Amino acid sequence: MTQISPSKLQITIRPVQYRDLEAVERLYSEGFEADGVGGSIDPDRPLKYLQLRPWHGLHRVLNLLLNPLQYMFCACTSEQGNKIRGVIRVSPFNRTRSTWRVDRVAVDDSSPVVPLSAPQKNTSTEGAETEPEVRKLSFSEIGSQLLRHCLNTIWEARTWLLEVNVNDKESLALYRENGFQPLAQMTYWEITPKLLQELAEREPDLPNLLPVSNADAQLLYQLDTASMPPLVRQVFDRHILDFKTSLLGSLMDGLKHWLSHTEAVSGYVFEPQRKAAIGYFQLQLCRDGSKPHQGRLTVHPAYTWLYPELLSQMARITQDLPAQSLQLASSDYQPEREEYLAQLGANRIAHTLMMSRSVWHKVRETKPAALEGLQLPEVLQGLKPARKPVPSRITLLPSVDQSSQAETSVDTSSAPRQNGSKPETNGQGTKRLLNLPVSTDFSDPPQEGPCC
């Protein structure tokens, strides 16, 4: 058989369609069971299973109407049989859309792909034709095509983020091959319902705990900036708008909470002396007890004593709902949080690696049509001077002064001395060129009278 290069494999990349949802959901579920981590990029955002069809019927239609405003889907399909081989899900990370994140890359490499090539004749056997080689695409080949497609298509993205399980060696190799570098290490914790009950018995000392609104976006932005190192801050590229919620966004969030039987509670601690926010928490509560509660926590590095106070407040809020565990996240640049959660007795449920890469899109150079017909000699001919250049006045002044000084010195030296007098010199020893009378009367001239 003849070897067929991977470039001849007929693989096309297109946006996902409604008929692809079942296959895409199957790929996502298989990948989720394999690594056990949903694609969470936010350092304080808990684990989240990426579902495309969480509801059926009307709920499914509502989900499809809400998702295109925030997410972009791409599917990698084969030309033969139109079967999905891989899928990638990406979404903007900040409001300015300068940073995008890869939520998940899922590949189905179990079945082979037959390239669309004509059967080749075997020269050793007369009239015999060999079938084209059946080749199975690897995870790296399909995943690289999907990643490259997103990197080249989304021009507004200057930085890309993703999060991968440290035990997923295949995905780590894929992302490193496509230019992603480690940014931070993430650890996910789970606080059991029994431990939450113990924390809720303690009264938190939070006298300045306030609810969150759009008026507090500046304070939350300053807190978020102070809670992370400069490199992570530069990659996230968050602004004040990222901490505000529009009317349409609040309506969409309310609809999602109603469909998923969840509830969101948030608050921040205000420091009146410094006029700044020093702590922030957000809870995603499950009202029906079907999944764990998810929490987000941000604390200023100078106020680490807020960790037990905020966790006690979060535990007291969860007591009014069915008993469930609470999931939190911490990063390697937050050693105080990890130390406190370890002393508290929380369980480590996942360990991930946050990776990032920058993108520089090459701008195509366009040549104007008027300059295409011009030849190099014609261009140089137009740059030649039309006439002989005339020396400017500035270049002549030094030479004229030097010549006049030389002539004057020659005349004074050749003239005969009268009565043996020497040429006059100034105080610095240099000869005076001209012997002019100097007037010593500096009084005002006489005023003339009025005319008669």
Protein backbone atom coordinates (compact mmCIF):
# COMPACT_ATOMS: atom_id res chain seq x y z
CA MET A 1 0.00 0.00 0.00
CA THR A 2 1.07 3.56 -0.59
CA GLN A 3 1.66 5.85 2.36
CA ILE A 4 -0.72 8.77 2.59
CA SER A 5 0.48 11.96 4.23
CA PRO A 6 -1.66 13.61 6.89
CA SER A 7 -2.11 16.67 4.67
CA LYS A 8 -4.26 14.58 2.32
CA LEU A 9 -6.69 13.62 5.05
CA GLN A 10 -9.91 15.48 4.29
CA ILE A 11 -10.63 17.16 7.63
CA THR A 12 -12.73 20.30 7.75
CA ILE A 13 -13.46 22.58 10.70
CA ARG A 14 -16.88 24.19 10.95
CA PRO A 15 -19.14 25.65 13.66
CA VAL A 16 -21.19 23.14 15.59
CA GLN A 17 -24.77 22.59 14.44
CA TYR A 18 -27.90 21.42 16.16
CA ARG A 19 -27.60 17.92 14.74
CA ASP A 20 -24.13 17.62 16.27
CA LEU A 21 -25.21 18.17 19.88
CA GLU A 22 -25.57 14.51 20.79
CA ALA A 23 -22.10 13.59 19.51
CA VAL A 24 -20.56 16.70 21.08
CA GLU A 25 -22.18 15.97 24.43
CA ARG A 26 -20.92 12.39 24.27
CA LEU A 27 -17.36 13.57 23.62
CA TYR A 28 -17.56 16.06 26.49
CA SER A 29 -18.89 13.46 28.90
CA GLU A 30 -16.15 10.98 27.95
CA GLY A 31 -13.47 13.61 28.45
CA PHE A 32 -14.96 14.67 31.77
CA GLU A 33 -14.95 11.12 33.07
CA ALA A 34 -11.37 10.69 31.89
CA ASP A 35 -9.82 13.64 33.74
CA GLY A 36 -12.51 14.47 36.30
CA VAL A 37 -12.03 18.24 35.94
CA GLY A 38 -14.28 20.68 34.13
CA GLY A 39 -12.50 23.49 32.35
CA SER A 40 -12.27 26.16 35.03
CA ILE A 41 -9.92 29.04 34.26
CA ASP A 42 -10.83 31.59 36.89
CA PRO A 43 -8.52 30.98 39.90
CA ASP A 44 -11.47 31.30 42.27
CA ARG A 45 -14.16 29.73 40.13
CA PRO A 46 -15.04 26.17 41.18
CA LEU A 47 -15.28 23.08 39.04
CA LYS A 48 -18.03 23.14 36.46
CA TYR A 49 -19.16 20.40 34.13
CA LEU A 50 -19.44 21.74 30.59
CA GLN A 51 -22.80 20.57 29.35
CA LEU A 52 -24.24 21.51 25.99
CA ARG A 53 -27.66 19.97 26.48
CA PRO A 54 -28.48 20.07 30.19
CA TRP A 55 -32.21 20.15 29.49
CA HIS A 56 -34.55 18.74 26.90
CA GLY A 57 -37.32 20.32 24.88
CA LEU A 58 -37.88 23.96 25.71
CA HIS A 59 -34.93 24.08 28.10
CA ARG A 60 -32.59 22.93 25.33
CA VAL A 61 -33.83 25.67 22.99
CA LEU A 62 -33.35 28.32 25.70
CA ASN A 63 -29.81 27.10 26.28
CA LEU A 64 -29.01 27.39 22.59
CA LEU A 65 -30.38 30.93 22.55
CA LEU A 66 -28.27 32.00 25.54
CA ASN A 67 -24.96 30.37 24.67
CA PRO A 68 -24.11 32.12 21.35
CA LEU A 69 -23.87 35.45 23.17
CA GLN A 70 -20.99 34.17 25.31
CA TYR A 71 -19.42 31.12 23.67
CA MET A 72 -18.09 30.02 20.31
CA PHE A 73 -18.22 26.39 19.22
CA CYS A 74 -16.13 24.69 16.56
CA ALA A 75 -16.41 21.06 15.46
CA CYS A 76 -13.86 19.04 13.54
CA THR A 77 -15.57 16.62 11.15
CA SER A 78 -14.46 14.21 8.45
CA GLU A 79 -15.71 14.53 4.90
CA GLN A 80 -16.58 10.81 4.73
CA GLY A 81 -19.74 10.08 6.63
CA ASN A 82 -19.76 13.58 8.21
CA LYS A 83 -18.78 12.09 11.54
CA ILE A 84 -17.44 14.30 14.30
CA ARG A 85 -13.85 13.47 15.25
CA GLY A 86 -13.23 16.30 17.69
CA VAL A 87 -14.74 19.40 19.22
CA ILE A 88 -13.35 22.48 20.93
CA ARG A 89 -15.13 25.01 23.08
CA VAL A 90 -13.69 28.51 23.58
CA SER A 91 -15.11 31.64 25.20
CA PRO A 92 -14.01 35.20 26.01
CA PHE A 93 -12.44 35.57 29.42
CA ASN A 94 -12.85 39.32 29.98
CA ARG A 95 -15.30 41.98 28.87
CA THR A 96 -12.89 43.57 26.39
CA ARG A 97 -12.40 40.13 24.75
CA SER A 98 -8.63 40.56 24.70
CA THR A 99 -8.17 37.25 26.54
CA TRP A 100 -9.95 34.05 25.53
CA ARG A 101 -9.97 30.67 27.21
CA VAL A 102 -10.12 27.12 25.93
CA ASP A 103 -12.87 25.45 27.95
CA ARG A 104 -12.36 21.95 26.58
CA VAL A 105 -10.84 19.98 23.72
CA ALA A 106 -12.41 16.57 23.16
CA VAL A 107 -11.32 14.14 20.43
CA ASP A 108 -12.78 10.84 19.23
CA ASP A 109 -9.73 8.93 17.96
CA SER A 110 -11.18 5.45 18.38
CA SER A 111 -12.37 4.94 14.81
CA PRO A 112 -10.12 5.25 11.71
CA VAL A 113 -10.46 7.92 9.05
CA VAL A 114 -10.38 6.95 5.36
CA PRO A 115 -8.94 9.75 3.20
CA LEU A 116 -10.72 10.73 0.01
CA SER A 117 -8.16 9.50 -2.51
CA ALA A 118 -8.57 7.40 -5.61
CA PRO A 119 -7.50 3.73 -5.49
CA GLN A 120 -3.93 3.36 -6.68
CA LYS A 121 -2.85 0.70 -9.17
CA ASN A 122 -0.33 -1.87 -8.13
CA THR A 123 2.41 -2.17 -10.77
CA SER A 124 3.46 -5.65 -9.63
CA THR A 125 0.04 -7.19 -10.33
CA GLU A 126 -1.82 -6.49 -13.55
CA GLY A 127 -5.18 -4.84 -13.20
CA ALA A 128 -5.05 -4.99 -9.41
CA GLU A 129 -6.01 -1.92 -7.46
CA THR A 130 -5.22 -1.31 -3.82
CA GLU A 131 -7.58 0.40 -1.48
CA PRO A 132 -6.46 3.67 0.11
CA GLU A 133 -4.81 3.27 3.44
CA VAL A 134 -7.03 3.50 6.48
CA ARG A 135 -5.29 5.75 9.01
CA LYS A 136 -6.38 6.66 12.51
CA LEU A 137 -5.93 10.30 13.42
CA SER A 138 -4.25 10.88 16.75
CA PHE A 139 -5.41 13.13 19.56
CA SER A 140 -2.53 15.50 18.90
CA GLU A 141 -3.29 15.94 15.20
CA ILE A 142 -7.00 16.70 15.60
CA GLY A 143 -6.50 18.81 18.72
CA SER A 144 -3.75 20.87 17.06
CA GLN A 145 -5.98 21.58 14.07
CA LEU A 146 -8.78 22.77 16.34
CA LEU A 147 -6.48 24.95 18.43
CA ARG A 148 -4.78 26.46 15.39
CA HIS A 149 -8.14 27.21 13.85
CA CYS A 150 -9.22 29.19 16.91
CA LEU A 151 -5.87 30.98 17.20
CA ASN A 152 -6.03 32.09 13.57
CA THR A 153 -9.74 32.88 13.43
CA ILE A 154 -10.33 34.95 16.57
CA TRP A 155 -8.29 38.06 15.79
CA GLU A 156 -9.38 40.04 18.84
CA ALA A 157 -7.71 37.56 21.21
CA ARG A 158 -4.22 38.63 22.27
CA THR A 159 -3.86 36.01 25.02
CA TRP A 160 -5.23 32.50 25.45
CA LEU A 161 -5.83 30.63 28.71
CA LEU A 162 -6.66 27.06 29.55
CA GLU A 163 -6.62 24.70 32.51
CA VAL A 164 -5.67 21.04 32.37
CA ASN A 165 -5.34 18.25 34.89
CA VAL A 166 -1.74 17.58 35.85
CA ASN A 167 -2.30 13.84 35.32
CA ASP A 168 -3.56 14.28 31.75
CA LYS A 169 -0.22 13.81 29.99
CA GLU A 170 -1.75 13.68 26.53
CA SER A 171 -3.48 17.05 26.87
CA LEU A 172 -0.40 18.59 28.44
CA ALA A 173 1.69 17.48 25.47
CA LEU A 174 -0.91 18.90 23.07
CA TYR A 175 -0.95 22.31 24.69
CA ARG A 176 2.82 22.51 25.03
CA GLU A 177 3.17 21.58 21.38
CA ASN A 178 0.95 24.54 20.46
CA GLY A 179 2.88 27.11 22.47
CA PHE A 180 1.12 27.15 25.87
CA GLN A 181 3.31 27.72 28.92
CA PRO A 182 2.54 27.14 32.64
CA LEU A 183 1.14 30.17 34.45
CA ALA A 184 -0.01 28.91 37.85
CA GLN A 185 -0.92 25.70 39.67
CA MET A 186 -4.48 25.32 40.92
CA THR A 187 -5.76 23.14 43.76
CA TYR A 188 -9.46 22.39 44.26
CA TRP A 189 -10.79 21.71 47.75
CA GLU A 190 -13.99 20.23 49.09
CA ILE A 191 -15.39 21.02 52.53
CA THR A 192 -17.69 18.28 53.80
CA PRO A 193 -21.19 19.04 55.19
CA LYS A 194 -20.04 18.04 58.68
CA LEU A 195 -17.18 20.52 58.56
CA LEU A 196 -19.53 23.19 57.25
CA GLN A 197 -21.80 22.58 60.24
CA GLU A 198 -18.87 23.15 62.60
CA LEU A 199 -17.89 26.36 60.82
CA ALA A 200 -21.46 27.66 60.93
CA GLU A 201 -21.53 27.42 64.75
CA ARG A 202 -18.91 30.17 64.99
CA GLU A 203 -20.10 33.77 64.79
CA PRO A 204 -18.04 35.61 62.11
CA ASP A 205 -16.51 38.97 63.00
CA LEU A 206 -17.43 40.97 59.88
CA PRO A 207 -18.86 44.35 60.91
CA ASN A 208 -18.48 45.93 57.46
CA LEU A 209 -19.93 43.13 55.30
CA LEU A 210 -21.86 44.77 52.44
CA PRO A 211 -23.82 43.42 49.43
CA VAL A 212 -22.29 43.74 45.98
CA SER A 213 -23.63 46.15 43.36
CA ASN A 214 -22.34 47.89 40.24
CA ALA A 215 -21.34 50.88 42.35
CA ASP A 216 -18.70 48.69 44.03
CA ALA A 217 -17.00 47.67 40.77
CA GLN A 218 -14.04 49.98 41.37
CA LEU A 219 -13.42 48.50 44.83
CA LEU A 220 -13.66 44.92 43.57
CA TYR A 221 -11.32 45.70 40.69
CA GLN A 222 -8.70 47.06 43.07
CA LEU A 223 -9.07 43.99 45.30
CA ASP A 224 -8.69 41.64 42.35
CA THR A 225 -5.60 43.52 41.17
CA ALA A 226 -3.93 43.32 44.58
CA SER A 227 -4.69 39.61 45.07
CA MET A 228 -2.62 38.26 42.14
CA PRO A 229 0.96 38.64 40.87
CA PRO A 230 1.72 41.00 37.97
CA LEU A 231 2.15 38.24 35.37
CA VAL A 232 -1.27 36.71 36.09
CA ARG A 233 -2.81 40.17 36.22
CA GLN A 234 -1.38 40.98 32.80
CA VAL A 235 -2.70 37.75 31.28
CA PHE A 236 -6.19 38.14 32.78
CA ASP A 237 -6.38 41.79 31.62
CA ARG A 238 -9.45 42.60 33.69
CA HIS A 239 -11.00 46.04 33.91
CA ILE A 240 -13.72 47.72 35.92
CA LEU A 241 -16.35 46.60 33.39
CA ASP A 242 -15.60 42.97 34.25
CA PHE A 243 -17.04 43.55 37.73
CA LYS A 244 -20.26 45.15 36.53
CA THR A 245 -23.44 43.39 35.44
CA SER A 246 -25.70 44.81 32.77
CA LEU A 247 -29.46 44.57 32.85
CA LEU A 248 -29.49 41.94 30.10
CA GLY A 249 -26.75 39.99 31.86
CA SER A 250 -28.63 39.98 35.16
CA LEU A 251 -31.79 38.76 33.40
CA MET A 252 -29.88 35.95 31.71
CA ASP A 253 -28.22 34.96 34.98
CA GLY A 254 -31.58 34.90 36.70
CA LEU A 255 -33.02 32.69 33.98
CA LYS A 256 -30.08 30.28 34.21
CA HIS A 257 -30.40 30.08 38.00
CA TRP A 258 -34.10 29.35 37.68
CA LEU A 259 -33.54 26.59 35.12
CA SER A 260 -30.65 24.99 37.02
CA HIS A 261 -32.26 25.36 40.50
CA THR A 262 -29.37 27.43 41.82
CA GLU A 263 -29.02 30.69 43.70
CA ALA A 264 -26.17 33.24 43.79
CA VAL A 265 -25.17 35.12 46.97
CA SER A 266 -22.23 37.54 47.16
CA GLY A 267 -20.75 40.13 49.52
CA TYR A 268 -17.57 42.03 50.29
CA VAL A 269 -15.80 43.42 53.35
CA PHE A 270 -15.19 47.16 53.32
CA GLU A 271 -12.29 48.83 55.13
CA PRO A 272 -13.52 52.34 56.12
CA GLN A 273 -10.08 53.68 57.03
CA ARG A 274 -8.48 52.89 53.68
CA LYS A 275 -11.73 53.15 51.69
CA ALA A 276 -11.03 49.80 50.04
CA ALA A 277 -12.46 46.29 49.75
CA ILE A 278 -10.33 43.71 51.57
CA GLY A 279 -12.40 40.54 51.08
CA TYR A 280 -15.01 39.17 48.66
CA PHE A 281 -17.02 35.95 48.42
CA GLN A 282 -19.59 34.54 46.03
CA LEU A 283 -21.67 31.41 46.52
CA GLN A 284 -23.43 29.31 43.89
CA LEU A 285 -25.97 27.45 46.01
CA CYS A 286 -27.83 24.35 44.85
CA ARG A 287 -31.39 24.48 46.11
CA ASP A 288 -32.36 20.87 45.34
CA GLY A 289 -29.20 19.20 46.71
CA SER A 290 -28.31 17.54 43.40
CA LYS A 291 -24.74 18.91 43.26
CA PRO A 292 -22.25 20.53 45.63
CA HIS A 293 -22.25 24.21 46.44
CA GLN A 294 -19.59 26.21 44.66
CA GLY A 295 -17.77 29.15 46.20
CA ARG A 296 -15.46 31.89 45.03
CA LEU A 297 -13.19 33.67 47.50
CA THR A 298 -10.85 36.67 47.09
CA VAL A 299 -8.87 38.08 50.03
CA HIS A 300 -6.32 40.88 50.11
CA PRO A 301 -2.82 39.51 50.88
CA ALA A 302 -2.48 41.90 53.84
CA TYR A 303 -5.72 40.68 55.48
CA THR A 304 -5.32 36.89 55.59
CA TRP A 305 -7.14 36.79 58.95
CA LEU A 306 -10.35 37.12 56.92
CA TYR A 307 -10.22 33.49 55.70
CA PRO A 308 -11.85 31.91 58.78
CA GLU A 309 -14.33 34.79 59.06
CA LEU A 310 -15.48 34.59 55.44
CA LEU A 311 -15.67 30.78 55.48
CA SER A 312 -17.81 30.92 58.61
CA GLN A 313 -20.12 33.39 56.87
CA MET A 314 -20.35 31.15 53.80
CA ALA A 315 -21.05 28.11 55.97
CA ARG A 316 -23.89 29.90 57.77
CA ILE A 317 -25.50 30.76 54.42
CA THR A 318 -25.47 27.11 53.29
CA GLN A 319 -27.29 25.89 56.42
CA ASP A 320 -30.70 26.94 55.07
CA LEU A 321 -30.36 24.56 52.09
CA PRO A 322 -30.01 20.76 51.75
CA ALA A 323 -26.72 19.48 53.15
CA GLN A 324 -24.05 19.48 50.46
CA SER A 325 -20.31 19.94 50.33
CA LEU A 326 -18.67 23.24 49.37
CA GLN A 327 -16.02 23.44 46.64
CA LEU A 328 -13.32 26.11 46.59
CA ALA A 329 -10.16 26.77 44.58
CA SER A 330 -6.72 28.05 45.51
CA SER A 331 -3.58 28.82 43.53
CA ASP A 332 0.11 28.45 44.27
CA TYR A 333 0.49 32.22 44.70
CA GLN A 334 -1.98 32.06 47.64
CA PRO A 335 -0.03 30.01 50.21
CA GLU A 336 -2.03 31.35 53.17
CA ARG A 337 -5.30 30.02 51.75
CA GLU A 338 -3.87 26.60 51.01
CA GLU A 339 -2.32 26.40 54.47
CA TYR A 340 -5.58 27.35 56.16
CA LEU A 341 -7.67 24.88 54.15
CA ALA A 342 -5.17 22.11 54.89
CA GLN A 343 -5.31 22.87 58.63
CA LEU A 344 -9.09 23.04 58.46
CA GLY A 345 -9.31 19.50 57.14
CA ALA A 346 -10.61 20.15 53.61
CA ASN A 347 -10.09 17.46 51.00
CA ARG A 348 -8.05 18.00 47.85
CA ILE A 349 -10.18 16.80 44.96
CA ALA A 350 -8.18 18.01 41.92
CA HIS A 351 -4.87 19.53 40.96
CA THR A 352 -4.65 21.42 37.68
CA LEU A 353 -2.20 23.53 35.75
CA MET A 354 -3.17 26.90 34.30
CA MET A 355 -1.43 27.61 30.99
CA SER A 356 -1.35 30.63 28.70
CA ARG A 357 0.11 31.85 25.45
CA SER A 358 0.10 35.11 23.50
CA VAL A 359 -0.87 35.52 19.87
CA TRP A 360 0.60 37.98 17.37
CA HIS A 361 -1.38 38.07 14.14
CA LYS A 362 0.65 38.93 11.07
CA VAL A 363 -0.77 41.82 9.08
CA ARG A 364 -0.74 41.23 5.34
CA GLU A 365 1.31 43.71 3.34
CA THR A 366 -0.69 45.18 0.46
CA LYS A 367 0.99 46.95 -2.46
CA PRO A 368 -0.92 49.81 -4.11
CA ALA A 369 -1.82 49.16 -7.73
CA ALA A 370 -0.27 52.48 -8.82
CA LEU A 371 3.19 51.48 -7.57
CA GLU A 372 3.24 47.99 -9.05
CA GLY A 373 4.21 49.20 -12.57
CA LEU A 374 7.02 51.47 -11.46
CA GLN A 375 10.56 50.26 -12.06
CA LEU A 376 13.53 50.99 -9.81
CA PRO A 377 15.40 53.25 -12.33
CA GLU A 378 12.27 55.37 -12.76
CA VAL A 379 11.94 55.81 -9.04
CA LEU A 380 15.61 56.79 -8.65
CA GLN A 381 15.38 59.23 -11.60
CA GLY A 382 12.68 61.15 -9.78
CA LEU A 383 14.87 61.46 -6.69
CA LYS A 384 17.77 63.15 -8.55
CA PRO A 385 18.20 66.94 -8.06
CA ALA A 386 16.90 69.13 -10.93
CA ARG A 387 19.86 71.61 -10.89
CA LYS A 388 23.23 72.06 -9.26
CA PRO A 389 22.82 72.79 -5.55
CA VAL A 390 23.75 76.32 -4.43
CA PRO A 391 25.66 76.68 -1.14
CA SER A 392 23.48 78.09 1.55
CA ARG A 393 24.15 81.27 3.48
CA ILE A 394 24.84 79.39 6.71
CA THR A 395 27.75 77.49 5.21
CA LEU A 396 29.36 80.70 3.81
CA LEU A 397 29.35 82.75 7.03
CA PRO A 398 32.21 80.92 8.83
CA SER A 399 34.44 81.02 5.77
CA VAL A 400 33.81 84.77 5.19
CA ASP A 401 34.61 85.57 8.82
CA GLN A 402 37.81 83.57 8.71
CA SER A 403 38.95 85.29 5.48
CA SER A 404 38.18 88.80 6.83
CA GLN A 405 40.09 88.10 10.03
CA ALA A 406 43.06 86.82 8.05
CA GLU A 407 43.14 89.94 5.80
CA THR A 408 42.87 92.31 8.76
CA SER A 409 45.66 90.58 10.60
CA VAL A 410 47.90 90.78 7.53
CA ASP A 411 47.21 94.53 7.05
CA THR A 412 47.95 95.35 10.66
CA SER A 413 51.15 93.33 10.68
CA SER A 414 52.46 94.89 7.43
CA ALA A 415 51.61 98.53 8.35
CA PRO A 416 54.62 100.57 9.75
CA ARG A 417 54.64 101.33 13.44
CA GLN A 418 54.60 105.03 14.37
CA ASN A 419 56.78 106.12 17.33
CA GLY A 420 57.46 102.46 18.10
CA SER A 421 53.90 101.89 19.31
CA LYS A 422 52.64 98.35 19.74
CA PRO A 423 49.31 97.08 18.48
CA GLU A 424 46.54 97.41 20.99
CA THR A 425 45.35 94.28 22.70
CA ASN A 426 42.37 93.51 24.87
CA GLY A 427 42.56 92.20 28.39
CA GLN A 428 42.92 88.57 27.29
CA GLY A 429 46.00 89.15 25.12
CA THR A 430 44.27 89.04 21.73
CA LYS A 431 44.93 91.80 19.20
CA ARG A 432 42.20 94.33 18.51
CA LEU A 433 41.51 94.36 14.80
CA LEU A 434 39.99 97.85 14.53
CA ASN A 435 41.15 100.93 16.49
CA LEU A 436 37.86 102.84 16.77
CA PRO A 437 37.23 105.69 19.19
CA VAL A 438 35.21 104.67 22.17
CA SER A 439 32.92 107.18 23.85
CA THR A 440 32.90 107.27 27.66
CA ASP A 441 29.90 109.58 28.06
CA PHE A 442 26.86 107.39 28.82
CA SER A 443 24.49 110.23 29.81
CA ASP A 444 21.22 110.81 28.03
CA PRO A 445 21.37 113.06 24.97
CA PRO A 446 19.91 116.64 25.36
CA GLN A 447 16.24 116.89 24.76
CA GLU A 448 15.13 119.04 21.86
CA GLY A 449 12.60 121.77 22.53
CA PRO A 450 9.24 122.09 20.85
CA CYS A 451 9.21 123.32 17.34
CA CYS A 452 8.35 126.99 16.86
